[in-house]
């Protein structure tokens, strides 16, 4: 089962590709238009690195220069206080709502 709602996906926008040292686990080279997915949230992973003071400016520059796009991050997981149903935030046709999580529902 693909647990895509627990992953971050980014896309390289650089002609000819580029190396992004801030991508886990130890930096990744992406070709032009290549997408890369990894478990967890990119911002949390960067903030927890030992070299975060060096990596944050690199990450910000890549975003500012439109070298990389963040396509998705892990979903916000919510539990209804009344029904106890678990849902994730979802965007569909520019409307924010909820959806079932990407893992099997509890029976």
C-alpha atoms as a PDB file:
ATOM      1  CA  UNK A   1       0.000   0.000   0.000  1.00  0.00           C
ATOM      2  CA  UNK A   2       1.328   3.433  -0.938  1.00  0.00           C
ATOM      3  CA  UNK A   3       1.167   5.680   2.121  1.00  0.00           C
ATOM      4  CA  UNK A   4       1.603   8.836   0.057  1.00  0.00           C
ATOM      5  CA  UNK A   5      -0.068  11.095   2.619  1.00  0.00           C
ATOM      6  CA  UNK A   6       2.945  10.544   4.909  1.00  0.00           C
ATOM      7  CA  UNK A   7       5.535  11.710   2.349  1.00  0.00           C
ATOM      8  CA  UNK A   8       6.942  14.956   0.969  1.00  0.00           C
ATOM      9  CA  UNK A   9       7.287  15.285  -2.804  1.00  0.00           C
ATOM     10  CA  UNK A  10       9.463  17.918  -4.501  1.00  0.00           C
ATOM     11  CA  UNK A  11      10.197  18.674  -8.161  1.00  0.00           C
ATOM     12  CA  UNK A  12      13.369  19.998  -9.808  1.00  0.00           C
ATOM     13  CA  UNK A  13      12.835  23.036 -12.059  1.00  0.00           C
ATOM     14  CA  UNK A  14      16.468  23.535 -13.150  1.00  0.00           C
ATOM     15  CA  UNK A  15      17.383  23.076 -16.814  1.00  0.00           C
ATOM     16  CA  UNK A  16      19.735  20.105 -16.885  1.00  0.00           C
ATOM     17  CA  UNK A  17      19.023  19.203 -13.253  1.00  0.00           C
ATOM     18  CA  UNK A  18      20.748  20.104 -10.004  1.00  0.00           C
ATOM     19  CA  UNK A  19      22.070  18.762  -6.727  1.00  0.00           C
ATOM     20  CA  UNK A  20      20.069  19.724  -3.639  1.00  0.00           C
ATOM     21  CA  UNK A  21      22.165  19.177  -0.522  1.00  0.00           C
ATOM     22  CA  UNK A  22      19.229  19.781   1.810  1.00  0.00           C
ATOM     23  CA  UNK A  23      17.190  16.822   0.515  1.00  0.00           C
ATOM     24  CA  UNK A  24      17.333  13.748   2.718  1.00  0.00           C
ATOM     25  CA  UNK A  25      19.027  11.579   3.434  1.00  0.00           C
ATOM     26  CA  UNK A  26      22.377  13.115   2.342  1.00  0.00           C
ATOM     27  CA  UNK A  27      21.519  15.357  -0.624  1.00  0.00           C
ATOM     28  CA  UNK A  28      20.055  14.262  -3.940  1.00  0.00           C
ATOM     29  CA  UNK A  29      20.727  15.060  -7.600  1.00  0.00           C
ATOM     30  CA  UNK A  30      17.511  15.516  -9.546  1.00  0.00           C
ATOM     31  CA  UNK A  31      17.137  15.763 -13.298  1.00  0.00           C
ATOM     32  CA  UNK A  32      15.032  18.525 -14.831  1.00  0.00           C
ATOM     33  CA  UNK A  33      11.314  17.937 -14.026  1.00  0.00           C
ATOM     34  CA  UNK A  34      12.206  14.913 -11.853  1.00  0.00           C
ATOM     35  CA  UNK A  35      10.084  14.398  -8.757  1.00  0.00           C
ATOM     36  CA  UNK A  36      11.497  12.978  -5.523  1.00  0.00           C
ATOM     37  CA  UNK A  37       9.512  11.675  -2.548  1.00  0.00           C
ATOM     38  CA  UNK A  38      10.644  10.805   0.958  1.00  0.00           C
ATOM     39  CA  UNK A  39       9.025   9.972   4.260  1.00  0.00           C
ATOM     40  CA  UNK A  40       8.236  12.893   6.559  1.00  0.00           C
ATOM     41  CA  UNK A  41       8.280  16.661   6.317  1.00  0.00           C
ATOM     42  CA  UNK A  42      11.184  18.438   4.594  1.00  0.00           C
ATOM     43  CA  UNK A  43      11.150  21.449   6.923  1.00  0.00           C
ATOM     44  CA  UNK A  44      11.365  19.211  10.000  1.00  0.00           C
ATOM     45  CA  UNK A  45      14.192  17.219   8.448  1.00  0.00           C
ATOM     46  CA  UNK A  46      16.163  20.393   7.647  1.00  0.00           C
ATOM     47  CA  UNK A  47      15.577  21.882  11.107  1.00  0.00           C
ATOM     48  CA  UNK A  48      16.882  18.704  12.761  1.00  0.00           C
ATOM     49  CA  UNK A  49      20.146  18.572  10.798  1.00  0.00           C
ATOM     50  CA  UNK A  50      23.387  19.361  12.580  1.00  0.00           C
ATOM     51  CA  UNK A  51      24.283  21.799   9.783  1.00  0.00           C
ATOM     52  CA  UNK A  52      20.852  23.486   9.694  1.00  0.00           C
ATOM     53  CA  UNK A  53      22.405  26.985   9.813  1.00  0.00           C
ATOM     54  CA  UNK A  54      24.107  26.287   6.471  1.00  0.00           C
ATOM     55  CA  UNK A  55      21.281  24.281   4.936  1.00  0.00           C
ATOM     56  CA  UNK A  56      18.380  26.669   5.636  1.00  0.00           C
ATOM     57  CA  UNK A  57      19.778  29.491   3.440  1.00  0.00           C
ATOM     58  CA  UNK A  58      20.440  26.991   0.636  1.00  0.00           C
ATOM     59  CA  UNK A  59      16.880  25.676   0.908  1.00  0.00           C
ATOM     60  CA  UNK A  60      15.422  29.206   0.935  1.00  0.00           C
ATOM     61  CA  UNK A  61      17.519  30.230  -2.070  1.00  0.00           C
ATOM     62  CA  UNK A  62      16.372  27.182  -4.048  1.00  0.00           C
ATOM     63  CA  UNK A  63      12.752  28.099  -3.332  1.00  0.00           C
ATOM     64  CA  UNK A  64      13.248  31.819  -4.051  1.00  0.00           C
ATOM     65  CA  UNK A  65      15.019  31.071  -7.335  1.00  0.00           C
ATOM     66  CA  UNK A  66      12.274  28.568  -8.239  1.00  0.00           C
ATOM     67  CA  UNK A  67      14.872  25.820  -8.637  1.00  0.00           C
ATOM     68  CA  UNK A  68      12.699  23.421  -6.660  1.00  0.00           C
ATOM     69  CA  UNK A  69       8.977  23.167  -5.976  1.00  0.00           C
ATOM     70  CA  UNK A  70       7.331  21.518  -3.009  1.00  0.00           C
ATOM     71  CA  UNK A  71       4.416  19.568  -4.458  1.00  0.00           C
ATOM     72  CA  UNK A  72       3.149  17.999  -1.258  1.00  0.00           C
ATOM     73  CA  UNK A  73       3.989  17.457   2.391  1.00  0.00           C
ATOM     74  CA  UNK A  74       2.594  14.963   4.880  1.00  0.00           C
ATOM     75  CA  UNK A  75      -1.101  15.471   5.493  1.00  0.00           C
ATOM     76  CA  UNK A  76      -2.514  17.105   8.586  1.00  0.00           C
ATOM     77  CA  UNK A  77      -4.227  14.309  10.513  1.00  0.00           C
ATOM     78  CA  UNK A  78      -7.340  15.150  12.522  1.00  0.00           C
ATOM     79  CA  UNK A  79      -9.685  13.175  14.744  1.00  0.00           C
ATOM     80  CA  UNK A  80     -13.306  14.285  15.052  1.00  0.00           C
ATOM     81  CA  UNK A  81     -14.021  14.924  18.742  1.00  0.00           C
ATOM     82  CA  UNK A  82     -17.604  13.650  18.410  1.00  0.00           C
ATOM     83  CA  UNK A  83     -17.450  10.738  15.957  1.00  0.00           C
ATOM     84  CA  UNK A  84     -13.788   9.885  16.628  1.00  0.00           C
ATOM     85  CA  UNK A  85     -13.341   9.440  12.851  1.00  0.00           C
ATOM     86  CA  UNK A  86      -9.811  10.133  11.628  1.00  0.00           C
ATOM     87  CA  UNK A  87      -9.486  12.330   8.523  1.00  0.00           C
ATOM     88  CA  UNK A  88      -6.745  14.215   6.695  1.00  0.00           C
ATOM     89  CA  UNK A  89      -6.944  17.718   5.254  1.00  0.00           C
ATOM     90  CA  UNK A  90      -7.355  17.612   1.494  1.00  0.00           C
ATOM     91  CA  UNK A  91      -7.573  20.132  -1.337  1.00  0.00           C
ATOM     92  CA  UNK A  92      -9.836  19.403  -4.298  1.00  0.00           C
ATOM     93  CA  UNK A  93     -10.555  21.911  -7.072  1.00  0.00           C
ATOM     94  CA  UNK A  94      -9.277  24.708  -4.785  1.00  0.00           C
ATOM     95  CA  UNK A  95     -11.707  23.706  -2.005  1.00  0.00           C
ATOM     96  CA  UNK A  96     -10.251  22.705   1.349  1.00  0.00           C
ATOM     97  CA  UNK A  97     -11.931  19.753   3.012  1.00  0.00           C
ATOM     98  CA  UNK A  98     -11.228  16.368   4.525  1.00  0.00           C
ATOM     99  CA  UNK A  99     -10.617  12.902   3.134  1.00  0.00           C
ATOM    100  CA  UNK A 100      -9.945   9.428   4.431  1.00  0.00           C
ATOM    101  CA  UNK A 101      -6.318   8.811   5.370  1.00  0.00           C
ATOM    102  CA  UNK A 102      -4.025   6.867   3.067  1.00  0.00           C
ATOM    103  CA  UNK A 103      -3.797   3.923   5.451  1.00  0.00           C
ATOM    104  CA  UNK A 104      -6.514   1.316   6.029  1.00  0.00           C
ATOM    105  CA  UNK A 105      -9.431   2.548   8.116  1.00  0.00           C
ATOM    106  CA  UNK A 106      -9.959   1.029  11.524  1.00  0.00           C
ATOM    107  CA  UNK A 107     -12.877  -1.419  11.496  1.00  0.00           C
END
